[in-house]
């Protein structure tokens, strides 16, 4: 993306257990990540939080579309 927007991504985490948890004790938490939306396609979005002096992005969070609840622009 040419001019990435600063966004907040609300997403649902995936949980796995290997203990003695009961069914009602295991739930998927909703999380929030803030960063620059640098990629978006039909399968996923990529948010980065660090850019170097050349303009290259680093420190990515990659979210499958099915885990995303909401994307909110922070700055216009």
N, C-alpha and C. Protein backbone atom coordinates (compact mmCIF):
# COMPACT_ATOMS: atom_id res chain seq x y z
N UNK A 1 0.85 -1.17 0.00
CA UNK A 1 0.00 0.00 0.00
C UNK A 1 0.89 1.24 0.00
N UNK A 2 0.53 2.21 -0.81
CA UNK A 2 1.36 3.40 -0.94
C UNK A 2 1.40 4.26 0.31
N UNK A 3 0.26 4.60 0.84
CA UNK A 3 0.17 5.43 2.04
C UNK A 3 -0.59 4.66 3.11
N UNK A 4 0.10 3.77 3.84
CA UNK A 4 -0.59 2.96 4.85
C UNK A 4 -1.26 3.82 5.91
N UNK A 5 -2.45 3.42 6.30
CA UNK A 5 -3.21 4.09 7.35
C UNK A 5 -2.90 3.46 8.70
N UNK A 6 -2.86 4.28 9.73
CA UNK A 6 -2.73 3.78 11.09
C UNK A 6 -4.10 3.24 11.52
N UNK A 7 -4.14 1.96 11.90
CA UNK A 7 -5.41 1.31 12.20
C UNK A 7 -5.34 0.55 13.53
N UNK A 8 -6.51 0.28 14.04
CA UNK A 8 -6.70 -0.63 15.16
C UNK A 8 -7.42 -1.86 14.60
N UNK A 9 -6.86 -3.03 14.85
CA UNK A 9 -7.47 -4.28 14.38
C UNK A 9 -7.98 -5.04 15.59
N UNK A 10 -9.27 -5.29 15.61
CA UNK A 10 -9.88 -6.11 16.66
C UNK A 10 -10.00 -7.51 16.08
N UNK A 11 -9.43 -8.52 16.79
CA UNK A 11 -9.37 -9.87 16.25
C UNK A 11 -9.59 -10.90 17.34
N UNK A 12 -9.99 -12.08 16.92
CA UNK A 12 -10.27 -13.17 17.85
C UNK A 12 -9.09 -14.14 17.82
N UNK A 13 -8.55 -14.42 19.00
CA UNK A 13 -7.42 -15.33 19.09
C UNK A 13 -7.89 -16.78 19.09
N UNK A 14 -7.00 -17.66 18.73
CA UNK A 14 -7.28 -19.09 18.68
C UNK A 14 -6.66 -19.73 19.92
N UNK A 15 -7.40 -20.59 20.57
CA UNK A 15 -6.97 -21.22 21.81
C UNK A 15 -6.86 -22.73 21.61
N UNK A 16 -5.83 -23.31 22.18
CA UNK A 16 -5.70 -24.77 22.25
C UNK A 16 -5.39 -25.13 23.69
N UNK A 17 -5.91 -26.24 24.16
CA UNK A 17 -5.63 -26.67 25.53
C UNK A 17 -5.11 -28.11 25.52
N UNK A 18 -4.41 -28.44 26.57
CA UNK A 18 -3.95 -29.83 26.73
C UNK A 18 -4.05 -30.25 28.19
N UNK A 19 -4.91 -29.54 28.92
CA UNK A 19 -5.05 -29.82 30.35
C UNK A 19 -6.43 -30.35 30.68
N UNK A 20 -6.88 -30.02 31.89
CA UNK A 20 -8.14 -30.53 32.40
C UNK A 20 -9.23 -29.46 32.40
N UNK A 21 -9.12 -28.48 31.47
CA UNK A 21 -10.12 -27.43 31.39
C UNK A 21 -11.48 -28.01 31.00
N UNK A 22 -12.51 -27.44 31.60
CA UNK A 22 -13.87 -27.82 31.23
C UNK A 22 -14.31 -26.97 30.04
N UNK A 23 -15.29 -27.44 29.30
CA UNK A 23 -15.77 -26.78 28.09
C UNK A 23 -16.10 -25.31 28.31
N UNK A 24 -16.79 -25.00 29.41
CA UNK A 24 -17.20 -23.61 29.66
C UNK A 24 -16.05 -22.72 30.15
N UNK A 25 -14.89 -23.29 30.43
CA UNK A 25 -13.72 -22.52 30.85
C UNK A 25 -12.83 -22.09 29.68
N UNK A 26 -13.13 -22.58 28.48
CA UNK A 26 -12.30 -22.30 27.32
C UNK A 26 -13.07 -21.41 26.35
N UNK A 27 -12.56 -20.19 26.15
CA UNK A 27 -13.21 -19.24 25.25
C UNK A 27 -12.15 -18.53 24.42
N UNK A 28 -12.55 -18.02 23.28
CA UNK A 28 -11.62 -17.28 22.43
C UNK A 28 -11.63 -15.81 22.84
N UNK A 29 -10.48 -15.27 23.25
CA UNK A 29 -10.42 -13.87 23.65
C UNK A 29 -10.39 -12.95 22.43
N UNK A 30 -10.95 -11.77 22.59
CA UNK A 30 -10.86 -10.74 21.56
C UNK A 30 -9.68 -9.84 21.92
N UNK A 31 -8.80 -9.63 20.94
CA UNK A 31 -7.58 -8.86 21.13
C UNK A 31 -7.62 -7.61 20.25
N UNK A 32 -6.71 -6.67 20.49
CA UNK A 32 -6.62 -5.47 19.68
C UNK A 32 -5.15 -5.17 19.39
N UNK A 33 -4.85 -4.90 18.13
CA UNK A 33 -3.50 -4.57 17.70
C UNK A 33 -3.54 -3.26 16.92
N UNK A 34 -2.56 -2.38 17.16
CA UNK A 34 -2.47 -1.10 16.47
C UNK A 34 -1.21 -1.10 15.61
N UNK A 35 -1.35 -0.64 14.37
CA UNK A 35 -0.21 -0.54 13.48
C UNK A 35 -0.64 0.04 12.14
N UNK A 36 0.28 0.03 11.19
CA UNK A 36 0.01 0.55 9.85
C UNK A 36 -0.42 -0.58 8.93
N UNK A 37 -1.57 -0.41 8.29
CA UNK A 37 -2.10 -1.41 7.37
C UNK A 37 -1.29 -1.35 6.07
N UNK A 38 -0.39 -2.33 5.89
CA UNK A 38 0.52 -2.31 4.75
C UNK A 38 0.13 -3.30 3.66
N UNK A 39 -0.81 -4.20 3.95
CA UNK A 39 -1.24 -5.19 2.95
C UNK A 39 -2.65 -5.67 3.28
N UNK A 40 -3.43 -5.87 2.22
CA UNK A 40 -4.79 -6.40 2.39
C UNK A 40 -5.14 -7.16 1.13
N UNK A 41 -5.57 -8.43 1.28
CA UNK A 41 -6.08 -9.19 0.14
C UNK A 41 -7.24 -10.06 0.61
N UNK A 42 -7.69 -11.00 -0.21
CA UNK A 42 -8.88 -11.78 0.13
C UNK A 42 -8.64 -12.76 1.28
N UNK A 43 -7.36 -13.05 1.59
CA UNK A 43 -7.05 -14.03 2.63
C UNK A 43 -6.61 -13.43 3.96
N UNK A 44 -5.92 -12.28 3.91
CA UNK A 44 -5.35 -11.76 5.15
C UNK A 44 -5.10 -10.26 5.05
N UNK A 45 -4.77 -9.68 6.21
CA UNK A 45 -4.23 -8.32 6.25
C UNK A 45 -2.91 -8.39 6.99
N UNK A 46 -2.03 -7.42 6.68
CA UNK A 46 -0.74 -7.33 7.36
C UNK A 46 -0.60 -5.92 7.92
N UNK A 47 -0.26 -5.86 9.21
CA UNK A 47 -0.07 -4.61 9.91
C UNK A 47 1.39 -4.57 10.37
N UNK A 48 2.05 -3.43 10.15
CA UNK A 48 3.45 -3.27 10.57
C UNK A 48 3.54 -2.10 11.54
N UNK A 49 4.59 -2.13 12.39
CA UNK A 49 4.72 -1.04 13.36
C UNK A 49 6.06 -0.33 13.30
N UNK A 50 6.97 -0.77 12.43
CA UNK A 50 8.28 -0.14 12.35
C UNK A 50 8.66 0.09 10.89
N UNK A 51 9.17 1.30 10.59
CA UNK A 51 9.61 1.63 9.23
C UNK A 51 11.01 2.23 9.32
N UNK A 52 11.92 1.79 8.43
CA UNK A 52 13.27 2.34 8.46
C UNK A 52 13.39 3.57 7.56
N UNK A 53 14.60 4.15 7.51
CA UNK A 53 14.81 5.38 6.76
C UNK A 53 14.64 5.22 5.26
N UNK A 54 14.68 3.97 4.76
CA UNK A 54 14.46 3.71 3.33
C UNK A 54 12.97 3.54 3.01
N UNK A 55 12.14 3.45 4.04
CA UNK A 55 10.71 3.27 3.83
C UNK A 55 10.26 1.82 3.88
N UNK A 56 11.16 0.90 4.25
CA UNK A 56 10.81 -0.52 4.37
C UNK A 56 10.17 -0.79 5.72
N UNK A 57 9.11 -1.61 5.71
CA UNK A 57 8.35 -1.93 6.92
C UNK A 57 8.87 -3.20 7.58
N UNK A 58 8.72 -3.27 8.91
CA UNK A 58 9.14 -4.42 9.71
C UNK A 58 8.15 -4.62 10.86
N UNK A 59 8.35 -5.67 11.64
CA UNK A 59 7.53 -5.98 12.83
C UNK A 59 6.07 -6.18 12.44
N UNK A 60 5.81 -7.25 11.71
CA UNK A 60 4.47 -7.52 11.16
C UNK A 60 3.59 -8.34 12.09
N UNK A 61 2.31 -8.06 12.04
CA UNK A 61 1.25 -8.94 12.52
C UNK A 61 0.45 -9.31 11.27
N UNK A 62 0.25 -10.60 11.04
CA UNK A 62 -0.51 -11.07 9.89
C UNK A 62 -1.77 -11.76 10.41
N UNK A 63 -2.93 -11.28 9.97
CA UNK A 63 -4.21 -11.78 10.46
C UNK A 63 -4.99 -12.46 9.35
N UNK A 64 -5.38 -13.73 9.53
CA UNK A 64 -6.31 -14.34 8.57
C UNK A 64 -7.64 -13.58 8.63
N UNK A 65 -8.27 -13.38 7.48
CA UNK A 65 -9.53 -12.62 7.42
C UNK A 65 -10.59 -13.15 8.39
N UNK A 66 -10.65 -14.46 8.58
CA UNK A 66 -11.66 -15.06 9.44
C UNK A 66 -11.52 -14.71 10.92
N UNK A 67 -10.36 -14.24 11.34
CA UNK A 67 -10.13 -13.87 12.74
C UNK A 67 -10.42 -12.41 13.03
N UNK A 68 -10.61 -11.60 11.99
CA UNK A 68 -10.78 -10.16 12.17
C UNK A 68 -12.23 -9.82 12.47
N UNK A 69 -12.43 -9.09 13.56
CA UNK A 69 -13.77 -8.60 13.91
C UNK A 69 -14.03 -7.20 13.33
N UNK A 70 -12.99 -6.32 13.44
CA UNK A 70 -13.21 -4.93 13.02
C UNK A 70 -11.85 -4.27 12.77
N UNK A 71 -11.81 -3.40 11.76
CA UNK A 71 -10.64 -2.57 11.48
C UNK A 71 -11.10 -1.12 11.56
N UNK A 72 -10.44 -0.32 12.40
CA UNK A 72 -10.83 1.07 12.60
C UNK A 72 -9.64 1.97 12.27
N UNK A 73 -9.87 2.98 11.40
CA UNK A 73 -8.83 3.98 11.12
C UNK A 73 -8.62 4.83 12.36
N UNK A 74 -7.36 5.04 12.74
CA UNK A 74 -7.04 5.88 13.89
C UNK A 74 -6.79 7.31 13.43
N UNK A 75 -6.03 7.46 12.36
CA UNK A 75 -5.76 8.78 11.78
C UNK A 75 -6.23 8.77 10.33
N UNK A 76 -6.77 9.88 9.87
CA UNK A 76 -7.23 9.96 8.48
C UNK A 76 -6.12 10.34 7.56
